[in-house]
PDB file of all heavy atoms in Angstrom:
ATOM      1  N   PHE A   1       7.492  -5.477  96.973  1.00  0.00           N
ATOM      2  CA  PHE A   1       7.913  -5.150  98.335  1.00  0.00           C
ATOM      3  C   PHE A   1       7.615  -6.299  99.291  1.00  0.00           C
ATOM      4  O   PHE A   1       8.461  -6.673 100.119  1.00  0.00           O
ATOM      5  CB  PHE A   1       7.215  -3.874  98.812  1.00  0.00           C
ATOM      6  CG  PHE A   1       7.498  -3.546 100.257  1.00  0.00           C
ATOM      7  CD1 PHE A   1       8.663  -2.890 100.606  1.00  0.00           C
ATOM      8  CD2 PHE A   1       6.609  -3.919 101.265  1.00  0.00           C
ATOM      9  CE1 PHE A   1       8.937  -2.595 101.944  1.00  0.00           C
ATOM     10  CE2 PHE A   1       6.869  -3.628 102.592  1.00  0.00           C
ATOM     11  CZ  PHE A   1       8.035  -2.969 102.934  1.00  0.00           C
ATOM     12  N   CYS A   2       6.420  -6.851  99.204  1.00  0.00           N
ATOM     13  CA  CYS A   2       6.056  -7.966 100.086  1.00  0.00           C
ATOM     14  C   CYS A   2       6.970  -9.164  99.866  1.00  0.00           C
ATOM     15  O   CYS A   2       7.390  -9.831 100.827  1.00  0.00           O
ATOM     16  CB  CYS A   2       4.600  -8.360  99.846  1.00  0.00           C
ATOM     17  SG  CYS A   2       3.394  -7.088 100.316  1.00  0.00           S
ATOM     18  N   LEU A   3       7.303  -9.439  98.596  1.00  0.00           N
ATOM     19  CA  LEU A   3       8.177 -10.569  98.282  1.00  0.00           C
ATOM     20  C   LEU A   3       9.563 -10.370  98.867  1.00  0.00           C
ATOM     21  O   LEU A   3      10.141 -11.283  99.479  1.00  0.00           O
ATOM     22  CB  LEU A   3       8.263 -10.736  96.756  1.00  0.00           C
ATOM     23  CG  LEU A   3       9.160 -11.865  96.237  1.00  0.00           C
ATOM     24  CD1 LEU A   3       8.613 -13.220  96.661  1.00  0.00           C
ATOM     25  CD2 LEU A   3       9.293 -11.784  94.723  1.00  0.00           C
ATOM     26  N   LEU A   4      10.121  -9.177  98.704  1.00  0.00           N
ATOM     27  CA  LEU A   4      11.469  -8.908  99.202  1.00  0.00           C
ATOM     28  C   LEU A   4      11.515  -8.782 100.721  1.00  0.00           C
ATOM     29  O   LEU A   4      12.557  -9.035 101.340  1.00  0.00           O
ATOM     30  CB  LEU A   4      12.012  -7.628  98.559  1.00  0.00           C
ATOM     31  CG  LEU A   4      12.226  -7.663  97.044  1.00  0.00           C
ATOM     32  CD1 LEU A   4      12.701  -6.299  96.543  1.00  0.00           C
ATOM     33  CD2 LEU A   4      13.234  -8.745  96.658  1.00  0.00           C
ATOM     34  N   ALA A   5      10.393  -8.390 101.312  1.00  0.00           N
ATOM     35  CA  ALA A   5      10.365  -8.237 102.777  1.00  0.00           C
ATOM     36  C   ALA A   5      10.535  -9.576 103.492  1.00  0.00           C
ATOM     37  O   ALA A   5      11.037  -9.612 104.630  1.00  0.00           O
ATOM     38  CB  ALA A   5       9.064  -7.574 103.207  1.00  0.00           C
ATOM     39  N   LEU A   6      10.158 -10.674 102.847  1.00  0.00           N
ATOM     40  CA  LEU A   6      10.266 -11.986 103.489  1.00  0.00           C
ATOM     41  C   LEU A   6      11.710 -12.344 103.840  1.00  0.00           C
ATOM     42  O   LEU A   6      12.018 -12.605 105.010  1.00  0.00           O
ATOM     43  CB  LEU A   6       9.632 -13.059 102.604  1.00  0.00           C
ATOM     44  CG  LEU A   6       8.102 -13.054 102.527  1.00  0.00           C
ATOM     45  CD1 LEU A   6       7.623 -14.078 101.500  1.00  0.00           C
ATOM     46  CD2 LEU A   6       7.502 -13.363 103.897  1.00  0.00           C
ATOM     47  N   PRO A   7      12.636 -12.384 102.872  1.00  0.00           N
ATOM     48  CA  PRO A   7      14.021 -12.704 103.254  1.00  0.00           C
ATOM     49  C   PRO A   7      14.668 -11.605 104.082  1.00  0.00           C
ATOM     50  O   PRO A   7      15.544 -11.881 104.915  1.00  0.00           O
ATOM     51  CB  PRO A   7      14.728 -12.895 101.905  1.00  0.00           C
ATOM     52  CG  PRO A   7      13.894 -12.150 100.921  1.00  0.00           C
ATOM     53  CD  PRO A   7      12.487 -12.270 101.413  1.00  0.00           C
ATOM     54  N   TRP A   8      14.264 -10.348 103.881  1.00  0.00           N
ATOM     55  CA  TRP A   8      14.845  -9.236 104.660  1.00  0.00           C
ATOM     56  C   TRP A   8      14.514  -9.400 106.141  1.00  0.00           C
ATOM     57  O   TRP A   8      15.399  -9.312 107.000  1.00  0.00           O
ATOM     58  CB  TRP A   8      14.313  -7.913 104.127  1.00  0.00           C
ATOM     59  CG  TRP A   8      15.043  -6.692 104.619  1.00  0.00           C
ATOM     60  CD1 TRP A   8      16.139  -6.095 104.059  1.00  0.00           C
ATOM     61  CD2 TRP A   8      14.705  -5.894 105.774  1.00  0.00           C
ATOM     62  NE1 TRP A   8      16.505  -4.991 104.783  1.00  0.00           N
ATOM     63  CE2 TRP A   8      15.649  -4.845 105.843  1.00  0.00           C
ATOM     64  CE3 TRP A   8      13.711  -5.983 106.742  1.00  0.00           C
ATOM     65  CZ2 TRP A   8      15.608  -3.879 106.845  1.00  0.00           C
ATOM     66  CZ3 TRP A   8      13.679  -5.020 107.744  1.00  0.00           C
ATOM     67  CH2 TRP A   8      14.623  -3.980 107.782  1.00  0.00           C
ATOM     68  N   LEU A   9      13.248  -9.647 106.439  1.00  0.00           N
ATOM     69  CA  LEU A   9      12.837  -9.826 107.826  1.00  0.00           C
ATOM     70  C   LEU A   9      13.376 -11.136 108.399  1.00  0.00           C
ATOM     71  O   LEU A   9      13.753 -11.196 109.576  1.00  0.00           O
ATOM     72  CB  LEU A   9      11.313  -9.801 107.920  1.00  0.00           C
ATOM     73  CG  LEU A   9      10.650  -8.448 107.642  1.00  0.00           C
ATOM     74  CD1 LEU A   9       9.135  -8.597 107.557  1.00  0.00           C
ATOM     75  CD2 LEU A   9      11.032  -7.418 108.702  1.00  0.00           C
ATOM     76  N   THR A  10      13.415 -12.176 107.569  1.00  0.00           N
ATOM     77  CA  THR A  10      13.958 -13.461 108.023  1.00  0.00           C
ATOM     78  C   THR A  10      15.412 -13.309 108.441  1.00  0.00           C
ATOM     79  O   THR A  10      15.852 -13.913 109.433  1.00  0.00           O
ATOM     80  CB  THR A  10      13.837 -14.516 106.914  1.00  0.00           C
ATOM     81  OG1 THR A  10      12.459 -14.678 106.570  1.00  0.00           O
ATOM     82  CG2 THR A  10      14.413 -15.859 107.366  1.00  0.00           C
ATOM     83  N   ARG A  11      16.157 -12.511 107.700  1.00  0.00           N
ATOM     84  CA  ARG A  11      17.568 -12.306 108.047  1.00  0.00           C
ATOM     85  C   ARG A  11      17.695 -11.676 109.429  1.00  0.00           C
ATOM     86  O   ARG A  11      18.538 -12.083 110.237  1.00  0.00           O
ATOM     87  CB  ARG A  11      18.240 -11.427 106.993  1.00  0.00           C
ATOM     88  CG  ARG A  11      19.752 -11.330 107.175  1.00  0.00           C
ATOM     89  CD  ARG A  11      20.374 -10.520 106.054  1.00  0.00           C
ATOM     90  NE  ARG A  11      21.818 -10.705 106.038  1.00  0.00           N
ATOM     91  CZ  ARG A  11      22.704  -9.709 106.018  1.00  0.00           C
ATOM     92  NH1 ARG A  11      22.290  -8.459 106.013  1.00  0.00           N
ATOM     93  NH2 ARG A  11      23.992  -9.967 106.006  1.00  0.00           N
ATOM     94  N   TRP A  12      16.869 -10.703 109.728  1.00  0.00           N
ATOM     95  CA  TRP A  12      16.944 -10.046 111.033  1.00  0.00           C
ATOM     96  C   TRP A  12      16.494 -10.982 112.160  1.00  0.00           C
ATOM     97  O   TRP A  12      17.027 -10.925 113.271  1.00  0.00           O
ATOM     98  CB  TRP A  12      16.083  -8.784 111.035  1.00  0.00           C
ATOM     99  CG  TRP A  12      16.768  -7.611 110.413  1.00  0.00           C
ATOM    100  CD1 TRP A  12      16.565  -7.108 109.164  1.00  0.00           C
ATOM    101  CD2 TRP A  12      17.780  -6.804 111.008  1.00  0.00           C
ATOM    102  NE1 TRP A  12      17.397  -6.034 108.941  1.00  0.00           N
ATOM    103  CE2 TRP A  12      18.147  -5.815 110.051  1.00  0.00           C
ATOM    104  CE3 TRP A  12      18.422  -6.804 112.247  1.00  0.00           C
ATOM    105  CZ2 TRP A  12      19.119  -4.848 110.317  1.00  0.00           C
ATOM    106  CZ3 TRP A  12      19.388  -5.840 112.501  1.00  0.00           C
ATOM    107  CH2 TRP A  12      19.730  -4.881 111.538  1.00  0.00           C
ATOM    108  N   LEU A  13      15.533 -11.858 111.879  1.00  0.00           N
ATOM    109  CA  LEU A  13      14.997 -12.732 112.922  1.00  0.00           C
ATOM    110  C   LEU A  13      15.848 -13.986 113.131  1.00  0.00           C
ATOM    111  O   LEU A  13      16.076 -14.404 114.273  1.00  0.00           O
ATOM    112  CB  LEU A  13      13.562 -13.135 112.561  1.00  0.00           C
ATOM    113  CG  LEU A  13      12.530 -11.997 112.558  1.00  0.00           C
ATOM    114  CD1 LEU A  13      11.193 -12.491 112.031  1.00  0.00           C
ATOM    115  CD2 LEU A  13      12.365 -11.408 113.951  1.00  0.00           C
ATOM    116  N   ARG A  14      16.343 -14.587 112.029  1.00  0.00           N
ATOM    117  CA  ARG A  14      17.076 -15.847 112.139  1.00  0.00           C
ATOM    118  C   ARG A  14      18.590 -15.668 112.144  1.00  0.00           C
ATOM    119  O   ARG A  14      19.318 -16.487 112.700  1.00  0.00           O
ATOM    120  CB  ARG A  14      16.687 -16.783 110.991  1.00  0.00           C
ATOM    121  CG  ARG A  14      15.272 -17.340 111.075  1.00  0.00           C
ATOM    122  CD  ARG A  14      15.066 -18.419 110.037  1.00  0.00           C
ATOM    123  NE  ARG A  14      16.028 -19.508 110.170  1.00  0.00           N
ATOM    124  CZ  ARG A  14      16.173 -20.487 109.282  1.00  0.00           C
ATOM    125  NH1 ARG A  14      15.416 -20.490 108.180  1.00  0.00           N
ATOM    126  NH2 ARG A  14      17.071 -21.443 109.466  1.00  0.00           N
ATOM    127  N   PHE A  15      19.058 -14.596 111.496  1.00  0.00           N
ATOM    128  CA  PHE A  15      20.504 -14.387 111.377  1.00  0.00           C
ATOM    129  C   PHE A  15      20.875 -12.967 111.809  1.00  0.00           C
ATOM    130  O   PHE A  15      21.447 -12.189 111.034  1.00  0.00           O
ATOM    131  CB  PHE A  15      20.972 -14.629 109.929  1.00  0.00           C
ATOM    132  CG  PHE A  15      20.491 -15.929 109.352  1.00  0.00           C
ATOM    133  CD1 PHE A  15      19.425 -15.961 108.475  1.00  0.00           C
ATOM    134  CD2 PHE A  15      21.101 -17.125 109.703  1.00  0.00           C
ATOM    135  CE1 PHE A  15      18.974 -17.157 107.933  1.00  0.00           C
ATOM    136  CE2 PHE A  15      20.663 -18.331 109.173  1.00  0.00           C
ATOM    137  CZ  PHE A  15      19.601 -18.354 108.282  1.00  0.00           C
ATOM    138  N   PRO A  16      20.524 -12.584 113.034  1.00  0.00           N
ATOM    139  CA  PRO A  16      20.781 -11.206 113.474  1.00  0.00           C
ATOM    140  C   PRO A  16      22.252 -10.832 113.477  1.00  0.00           C
ATOM    141  O   PRO A  16      22.598  -9.672 113.236  1.00  0.00           O
ATOM    142  CB  PRO A  16      20.181 -11.171 114.879  1.00  0.00           C
ATOM    143  CG  PRO A  16      20.162 -12.603 115.327  1.00  0.00           C
ATOM    144  CD  PRO A  16      19.900 -13.404 114.098  1.00  0.00           C
ATOM    145  N   ALA A  17      23.136 -11.801 113.729  1.00  0.00           N
ATOM    146  CA  ALA A  17      24.564 -11.492 113.738  1.00  0.00           C
ATOM    147  C   ALA A  17      25.026 -11.046 112.361  1.00  0.00           C
ATOM    148  O   ALA A  17      25.806 -10.080 112.228  1.00  0.00           O
ATOM    149  CB  ALA A  17      25.369 -12.709 114.203  1.00  0.00           C
ATOM    150  N   ALA A  18      24.541 -11.723 111.321  1.00  0.00           N
ATOM    151  CA  ALA A  18      24.907 -11.344 109.957  1.00  0.00           C
ATOM    152  C   ALA A  18      24.332  -9.976 109.599  1.00  0.00           C
ATOM    153  O   ALA A  18      25.000  -9.143 108.964  1.00  0.00           O
ATOM    154  CB  ALA A  18      24.409 -12.401 108.970  1.00  0.00           C
ATOM    155  N   ALA A  19      23.080  -9.731 110.012  1.00  0.00           N
ATOM    156  CA  ALA A  19      22.452  -8.441 109.723  1.00  0.00           C
ATOM    157  C   ALA A  19      23.187  -7.297 110.418  1.00  0.00           C
ATOM    158  O   ALA A  19      23.422  -6.230 109.827  1.00  0.00           O
ATOM    159  CB  ALA A  19      20.989  -8.469 110.143  1.00  0.00           C
ATOM    160  N   LEU A  20      23.571  -7.512 111.668  1.00  0.00           N
ATOM    161  CA  LEU A  20      24.283  -6.472 112.414  1.00  0.00           C
ATOM    162  C   LEU A  20      25.687  -6.258 111.865  1.00  0.00           C
ATOM    163  O   LEU A  20      26.205  -5.125 111.876  1.00  0.00           O
ATOM    164  CB  LEU A  20      24.336  -6.843 113.897  1.00  0.00           C
ATOM    165  CG  LEU A  20      23.004  -6.780 114.640  1.00  0.00           C
ATOM    166  CD1 LEU A  20      23.144  -7.374 116.036  1.00  0.00           C
ATOM    167  CD2 LEU A  20      22.501  -5.341 114.721  1.00  0.00           C
ATOM    168  N   GLN A  21      26.313  -7.328 111.401  1.00  0.00           N
ATOM    169  CA  GLN A  21      27.653  -7.194 110.827  1.00  0.00           C
ATOM    170  C   GLN A  21      27.625  -6.303 109.588  1.00  0.00           C
ATOM    171  O   GLN A  21      28.534  -5.500 109.370  1.00  0.00           O
ATOM    172  CB  GLN A  21      28.211  -8.567 110.468  1.00  0.00           C
ATOM    173  CG  GLN A  21      29.652  -8.532 109.959  1.00  0.00           C
ATOM    174  CD  GLN A  21      30.177  -9.921 109.651  1.00  0.00           C
ATOM    175  OE1 GLN A  21      29.412 -10.868 109.495  1.00  0.00           O
ATOM    176  NE2 GLN A  21      31.486 -10.055 109.555  1.00  0.00           N
ATOM    177  N   THR A  22      26.560  -6.417 108.799  1.00  0.00           N
ATOM    178  CA  THR A  22      26.431  -5.593 107.604  1.00  0.00           C
ATOM    179  C   THR A  22      26.308  -4.119 107.959  1.00  0.00           C
ATOM    180  O   THR A  22      26.721  -3.248 107.192  1.00  0.00           O
ATOM    181  CB  THR A  22      25.218  -6.050 106.774  1.00  0.00           C
ATOM    182  OG1 THR A  22      25.349  -7.445 106.473  1.00  0.00           O
ATOM    183  CG2 THR A  22      25.123  -5.276 105.469  1.00  0.00           C
ATOM    184  N   LEU A  23      25.727  -3.821 109.135  1.00  0.00           N
ATOM    185  CA  LEU A  23      25.588  -2.433 109.562  1.00  0.00           C
ATOM    186  C   LEU A  23      26.943  -1.743 109.733  1.00  0.00           C
ATOM    187  O   LEU A  23      27.022  -0.514 109.732  1.00  0.00           O
ATOM    188  CB  LEU A  23      24.822  -2.356 110.878  1.00  0.00           C
ATOM    189  CG  LEU A  23      23.296  -2.306 110.801  1.00  0.00           C
ATOM    190  CD1 LEU A  23      22.699  -2.339 112.192  1.00  0.00           C
ATOM    191  CD2 LEU A  23      22.829  -1.064 110.054  1.00  0.00           C
ATOM    192  N   GLN A  24      28.000  -2.511 109.899  1.00  0.00           N
ATOM    193  CA  GLN A  24      29.325  -1.936 110.077  1.00  0.00           C
ATOM    194  C   GLN A  24      30.184  -2.064 108.818  1.00  0.00           C
ATOM    195  O   GLN A  24      31.367  -1.714 108.837  1.00  0.00           O
ATOM    196  CB  GLN A  24      30.021  -2.616 111.259  1.00  0.00           C
ATOM    197  CG  GLN A  24      29.269  -2.444 112.565  1.00  0.00           C
ATOM    198  CD  GLN A  24      30.002  -3.046 113.756  1.00  0.00           C
ATOM    199  OE1 GLN A  24      31.159  -2.724 114.013  1.00  0.00           O
ATOM    200  NE2 GLN A  24      29.329  -3.906 114.499  1.00  0.00           N
ATOM    201  N   HIS A  25      29.592  -2.557 107.741  1.00  0.00           N
ATOM    202  CA  HIS A  25      30.324  -2.674 106.483  1.00  0.00           C
ATOM    203  C   HIS A  25      30.481  -1.274 105.873  1.00  0.00           C
ATOM    204  O   HIS A  25      29.536  -0.476 105.868  1.00  0.00           O
ATOM    205  CB  HIS A  25      29.573  -3.592 105.518  1.00  0.00           C
ATOM    206  CG  HIS A  25      30.355  -3.975 104.302  1.00  0.00           C
ATOM    207  ND1 HIS A  25      30.495  -3.137 103.209  1.00  0.00           N
ATOM    208  CD2 HIS A  25      31.066  -5.091 104.003  1.00  0.00           C
ATOM    209  CE1 HIS A  25      31.237  -3.733 102.294  1.00  0.00           C
ATOM    210  NE2 HIS A  25      31.601  -4.924 102.741  1.00  0.00           N
ATOM    211  N   PRO A  26      31.648  -0.915 105.351  1.00  0.00           N
ATOM    212  CA  PRO A  26      31.871   0.448 104.866  1.00  0.00           C
ATOM    213  C   PRO A  26      31.033   0.836 103.653  1.00  0.00           C
ATOM    214  O   PRO A  26      30.862   2.027 103.376  1.00  0.00           O
ATOM    215  CB  PRO A  26      33.370   0.453 104.523  1.00  0.00           C
ATOM    216  CG  PRO A  26      33.726  -0.974 104.311  1.00  0.00           C
ATOM    217  CD  PRO A  26      32.855  -1.746 105.268  1.00  0.00           C
ATOM    218  N   VAL A  27      30.520  -0.135 102.905  1.00  0.00           N
ATOM    219  CA  VAL A  27      29.715   0.168 101.717  1.00  0.00           C
ATOM    220  C   VAL A  27      28.281  -0.315 101.890  1.00  0.00           C
ATOM    221  O   VAL A  27      27.323   0.451 101.725  1.00  0.00           O
ATOM    222  CB  VAL A  27      30.343  -0.470 100.449  1.00  0.00           C
ATOM    223  CG1 VAL A  27      29.432  -0.230  99.239  1.00  0.00           C
ATOM    224  CG2 VAL A  27      31.729   0.099 100.197  1.00  0.00           C
ATOM    225  N   GLN A  28      28.097  -1.588 102.238  1.00  0.00           N
ATOM    226  CA  GLN A  28      26.758  -2.181 102.264  1.00  0.00           C
ATOM    227  C   GLN A  28      25.837  -1.535 103.292  1.00  0.00           C
ATOM    228  O   GLN A  28      24.616  -1.499 103.104  1.00  0.00           O
ATOM    229  CB  GLN A  28      26.868  -3.681 102.529  1.00  0.00           C
ATOM    230  CG  GLN A  28      27.514  -4.475 101.407  1.00  0.00           C
ATOM    231  CD  GLN A  28      27.523  -5.963 101.691  1.00  0.00           C
ATOM    232  OE1 GLN A  28      26.694  -6.473 102.440  1.00  0.00           O
ATOM    233  NE2 GLN A  28      28.475  -6.669 101.107  1.00  0.00           N
ATOM    234  N   ALA A  29      26.391  -1.026 104.386  1.00  0.00           N
ATOM    235  CA  ALA A  29      25.543  -0.426 105.425  1.00  0.00           C
ATOM    236  C   ALA A  29      24.710   0.732 104.882  1.00  0.00           C
ATOM    237  O   ALA A  29      23.579   0.959 105.329  1.00  0.00           O
ATOM    238  CB  ALA A  29      26.415   0.058 106.587  1.00  0.00           C
ATOM    239  N   SER A  30      25.246   1.460 103.924  1.00  0.00           N
ATOM    240  CA  SER A  30      24.530   2.610 103.376  1.00  0.00           C
ATOM    241  C   SER A  30      23.257   2.217 102.652  1.00  0.00           C
ATOM    242  O   SER A  30      22.385   3.074 102.419  1.00  0.00           O
ATOM    243  CB  SER A  30      25.442   3.382 102.414  1.00  0.00           C
ATOM    244  OG  SER A  30      26.552   3.932 103.104  1.00  0.00           O
ATOM    245  N   PHE A  31      23.128   0.930 102.288  1.00  0.00           N
ATOM    246  CA  PHE A  31      21.962   0.492 101.532  1.00  0.00           C
ATOM    247  C   PHE A  31      20.828  -0.017 102.420  1.00  0.00           C
ATOM    248  O   PHE A  31      19.735  -0.275 101.927  1.00  0.00           O
ATOM    249  CB  PHE A  31      22.362  -0.583 100.523  1.00  0.00           C
ATOM    250  CG  PHE A  31      23.233  -0.059  99.416  1.00  0.00           C
ATOM    251  CD1 PHE A  31      24.627  -0.126  99.511  1.00  0.00           C
ATOM    252  CD2 PHE A  31      22.676   0.525  98.296  1.00  0.00           C
ATOM    253  CE1 PHE A  31      25.431   0.366  98.503  1.00  0.00           C
ATOM    254  CE2 PHE A  31      23.472   1.018  97.277  1.00  0.00           C
ATOM    255  CZ  PHE A  31      24.861   0.942  97.377  1.00  0.00           C
ATOM    256  N   TYR A  32      21.065  -0.164 103.714  1.00  0.00           N
ATOM    257  CA  TYR A  32      19.990  -0.589 104.602  1.00  0.00           C
ATOM    258  C   TYR A  32      18.783   0.352 104.543  1.00  0.00           C
ATOM    259  O   TYR A  32      17.633  -0.107 104.530  1.00  0.00           O
ATOM    260  CB  TYR A  32      20.484  -0.705 106.043  1.00  0.00           C
ATOM    261  CG  TYR A  32      20.800  -2.121 106.461  1.00  0.00           C
ATOM    262  CD1 TYR A  32      22.037  -2.456 106.985  1.00  0.00           C
ATOM    263  CD2 TYR A  32      19.850  -3.123 106.344  1.00  0.00           C
ATOM    264  CE1 TYR A  32      22.339  -3.760 107.367  1.00  0.00           C
ATOM    265  CE2 TYR A  32      20.133  -4.431 106.728  1.00  0.00           C
ATOM    266  CZ  TYR A  32      21.379  -4.740 107.238  1.00  0.00           C
ATOM    267  OH  TYR A  32      21.657  -6.029 107.607  1.00  0.00           O
ATOM    268  N   PRO A  33      18.991   1.662 104.513  1.00  0.00           N
ATOM    269  CA  PRO A  33      17.828   2.560 104.502  1.00  0.00           C
ATOM    270  C   PRO A  33      17.009   2.522 103.213  1.00  0.00           C
ATOM    271  O   PRO A  33      15.985   3.197 103.140  1.00  0.00           O
ATOM    272  CB  PRO A  33      18.459   3.949 104.707  1.00  0.00           C
ATOM    273  CG  PRO A  33      19.763   3.683 105.361  1.00  0.00           C
ATOM    274  CD  PRO A  33      20.239   2.409 104.752  1.00  0.00           C
ATOM    275  N   THR A  34      17.432   1.756 102.202  1.00  0.00           N
ATOM    276  CA  THR A  34      16.554   1.623 101.036  1.00  0.00           C
ATOM    277  C   THR A  34      15.224   0.983 101.443  1.00  0.00           C
ATOM    278  O   THR A  34      14.201   1.219 100.790  1.00  0.00           O
ATOM    279  CB  THR A  34      17.214   0.786  99.924  1.00  0.00           C
ATOM    280  OG1 THR A  34      17.538  -0.522 100.418  1.00  0.00           O
ATOM    281  CG2 THR A  34      18.470   1.470  99.400  1.00  0.00           C
ATOM    282  N   PHE A  35      15.235   0.189 102.518  1.00  0.00           N
ATOM    283  CA  PHE A  35      13.989  -0.414 102.999  1.00  0.00           C
ATOM    284  C   PHE A  35      13.020   0.666 103.472  1.00  0.00           C
ATOM    285  O   PHE A  35      11.836   0.665 103.099  1.00  0.00           O
ATOM    286  CB  PHE A  35      14.292  -1.397 104.136  1.00  0.00           C
ATOM    287  CG  PHE A  35      13.076  -2.087 104.693  1.00  0.00           C
ATOM    288  CD1 PHE A  35      12.584  -3.234 104.106  1.00  0.00           C
ATOM    289  CD2 PHE A  35      12.423  -1.579 105.817  1.00  0.00           C
ATOM    290  CE1 PHE A  35      11.458  -3.871 104.618  1.00  0.00           C
ATOM    291  CE2 PHE A  35      11.303  -2.210 106.336  1.00  0.00           C
ATOM    292  CZ  PHE A  35      10.818  -3.368 105.733  1.00  0.00           C
ATOM    293  N   SER A  36      13.504   1.593 104.289  1.00  0.00           N
ATOM    294  CA  SER A  36      12.619   2.634 104.812  1.00  0.00           C
ATOM    295  C   SER A  36      12.223   3.630 103.722  1.00  0.00           C
ATOM    296  O   SER A  36      11.090   4.120 103.712  1.00  0.00           O
ATOM    297  CB  SER A  36      13.292   3.360 105.986  1.00  0.00           C
ATOM    298  OG  SER A  36      14.608   3.755 105.673  1.00  0.00           O
ATOM    299  N   ILE A  37      13.132   3.926 102.794  1.00  0.00           N
ATOM    300  CA  ILE A  37      12.768   4.813 101.690  1.00  0.00           C
ATOM    301  C   ILE A  37      11.715   4.149 100.816  1.00  0.00           C
ATOM    302  O   ILE A  37      10.791   4.810 100.319  1.00  0.00           O
ATOM    303  CB  ILE A  37      14.010   5.195 100.857  1.00  0.00           C
ATOM    304  CG1 ILE A  37      15.009   5.974 101.713  1.00  0.00           C
ATOM    305  CG2 ILE A  37      13.607   6.036  99.645  1.00  0.00           C
ATOM    306  CD1 ILE A  37      16.300   6.308 101.001  1.00  0.00           C
ATOM    307  N   ALA A  38      11.822   2.832 100.629  1.00  0.00           N
ATOM    308  CA  ALA A  38      10.806   2.109  99.860  1.00  0.00           C
ATOM    309  C   ALA A  38       9.430   2.269 100.505  1.00  0.00           C
ATOM    310  O   ALA A  38       8.414   2.440  99.811  1.00  0.00           O
ATOM    311  CB  ALA A  38      11.179   0.630  99.768  1.00  0.00           C
ATOM    312  N   LEU A  39       9.375   2.240 101.838  1.00  0.00           N
ATOM    313  CA  LEU A  39       8.103   2.454 102.531  1.00  0.00           C
ATOM    314  C   LEU A  39       7.552   3.854 102.262  1.00  0.00           C
ATOM    315  O   LEU A  39       6.340   4.029 102.050  1.00  0.00           O
ATOM    316  CB  LEU A  39       8.295   2.251 104.033  1.00  0.00           C
ATOM    317  CG  LEU A  39       8.509   0.816 104.510  1.00  0.00           C
ATOM    318  CD1 LEU A  39       8.982   0.815 105.964  1.00  0.00           C
ATOM    319  CD2 LEU A  39       7.232   0.003 104.379  1.00  0.00           C
ATOM    320  N   LEU A  40       8.424   4.852 102.249  1.00  0.00           N
ATOM    321  CA  LEU A  40       7.986   6.224 101.982  1.00  0.00           C
ATOM    322  C   LEU A  40       7.502   6.378 100.544  1.00  0.00           C
ATOM    323  O   LEU A  40       6.538   7.104 100.278  1.00  0.00           O
ATOM    324  CB  LEU A  40       9.130   7.197 102.270  1.00  0.00           C
ATOM    325  CG  LEU A  40       9.595   7.255 103.734  1.00  0.00           C
ATOM    326  CD1 LEU A  40      10.859   8.095 103.861  1.00  0.00           C
ATOM    327  CD2 LEU A  40       8.491   7.807 104.631  1.00  0.00           C
ATOM    328  N   VAL A  41       8.167   5.700  99.610  1.00  0.00           N
ATOM    329  CA  VAL A  41       7.730   5.731  98.214  1.00  0.00           C
ATOM    330  C   VAL A  41       6.378   5.043  98.076  1.00  0.00           C
ATOM    331  O   VAL A  41       5.484   5.529  97.358  1.00  0.00           O
ATOM    332  CB  VAL A  41       8.782   5.060  97.306  1.00  0.00           C
ATOM    333  CG1 VAL A  41       8.242   4.891  95.885  1.00  0.00           C
ATOM    334  CG2 VAL A  41      10.066   5.881  97.286  1.00  0.00           C
ATOM    335  N   LEU A  42       6.196   3.913  98.778  1.00  0.00           N
ATOM    336  CA  LEU A  42       4.909   3.233  98.739  1.00  0.00           C
ATOM    337  C   LEU A  42       3.803   4.105  99.325  1.00  0.00           C
ATOM    338  O   LEU A  42       2.653   4.077  98.859  1.00  0.00           O
ATOM    339  CB  LEU A  42       5.001   1.912  99.501  1.00  0.00           C
ATOM    340  CG  LEU A  42       5.741   0.782  98.785  1.00  0.00           C
ATOM    341  CD1 LEU A  42       6.013  -0.376  99.744  1.00  0.00           C
ATOM    342  CD2 LEU A  42       4.951   0.290  97.580  1.00  0.00           C
ATOM    343  N   ALA A  43       4.128   4.894 100.345  1.00  0.00           N
ATOM    344  CA  ALA A  43       3.139   5.824 100.896  1.00  0.00           C
ATOM    345  C   ALA A  43       2.676   6.807  99.827  1.00  0.00           C
ATOM    346  O   ALA A  43       1.470   7.084  99.686  1.00  0.00           O
ATOM    347  CB  ALA A  43       3.730   6.571 102.092  1.00  0.00           C
ATOM    348  N   ALA A  44       3.631   7.328  99.049  1.00  0.00           N
ATOM    349  CA  ALA A  44       3.283   8.247  97.957  1.00  0.00           C
ATOM    350  C   ALA A  44       2.437   7.543  96.905  1.00  0.00           C
ATOM    351  O   ALA A  44       1.501   8.124  96.344  1.00  0.00           O
ATOM    352  CB  ALA A  44       4.555   8.821  97.342  1.00  0.00           C
ATOM    353  N   GLN A  45       2.754   6.276  96.625  1.00  0.00           N
ATOM    354  CA  GLN A  45       1.973   5.515  95.646  1.00  0.00           C
ATOM    355  C   GLN A  45       0.530   5.333  96.104  1.00  0.00           C
ATOM    356  O   GLN A  45      -0.407   5.564  95.329  1.00  0.00           O
ATOM    357  CB  GLN A  45       2.599   4.136  95.426  1.00  0.00           C
ATOM    358  CG  GLN A  45       3.886   4.138  94.633  1.00  0.00           C
ATOM    359  CD  GLN A  45       4.405   2.715  94.438  1.00  0.00           C
ATOM    360  OE1 GLN A  45       5.580   2.456  94.622  1.00  0.00           O
ATOM    361  NE2 GLN A  45       3.522   1.779  94.091  1.00  0.00           N
ATOM    362  N   TRP A  46       0.338   4.894  97.358  1.00  0.00           N
ATOM    363  CA  TRP A  46      -1.012   4.661  97.847  1.00  0.00           C
ATOM    364  C   TRP A  46      -1.816   5.954  97.863  1.00  0.00           C
ATOM    365  O   TRP A  46      -3.035   5.941  97.649  1.00  0.00           O
ATOM    366  CB  TRP A  46      -0.975   4.039  99.240  1.00  0.00           C
ATOM    367  CG  TRP A  46      -0.661   2.569  99.197  1.00  0.00           C
ATOM    368  CD1 TRP A  46       0.571   1.997  99.216  1.00  0.00           C
ATOM    369  CD2 TRP A  46      -1.582   1.486  99.092  1.00  0.00           C
ATOM    370  NE1 TRP A  46       0.474   0.620  99.140  1.00  0.00           N
ATOM    371  CE2 TRP A  46      -0.837   0.286  99.069  1.00  0.00           C
ATOM    372  CE3 TRP A  46      -2.975   1.414  99.036  1.00  0.00           C
ATOM    373  CZ2 TRP A  46      -1.439  -0.965  98.972  1.00  0.00           C
ATOM    374  CZ3 TRP A  46      -3.581   0.161  98.950  1.00  0.00           C
ATOM    375  CH2 TRP A  46      -2.818  -1.013  98.917  1.00  0.00           C
TER     376      TRP A  46
END
């Protein structure tokens, strides 16, 4: 999670236009919440 969070957060900070464009993609936008679900799964793990 920590490894993948680096490019994920970098995209939002350095390339916000690209990140926001994905939010309107008919398929890829649905996968954004995998980040928040991953946090909930990690909560269960801890």
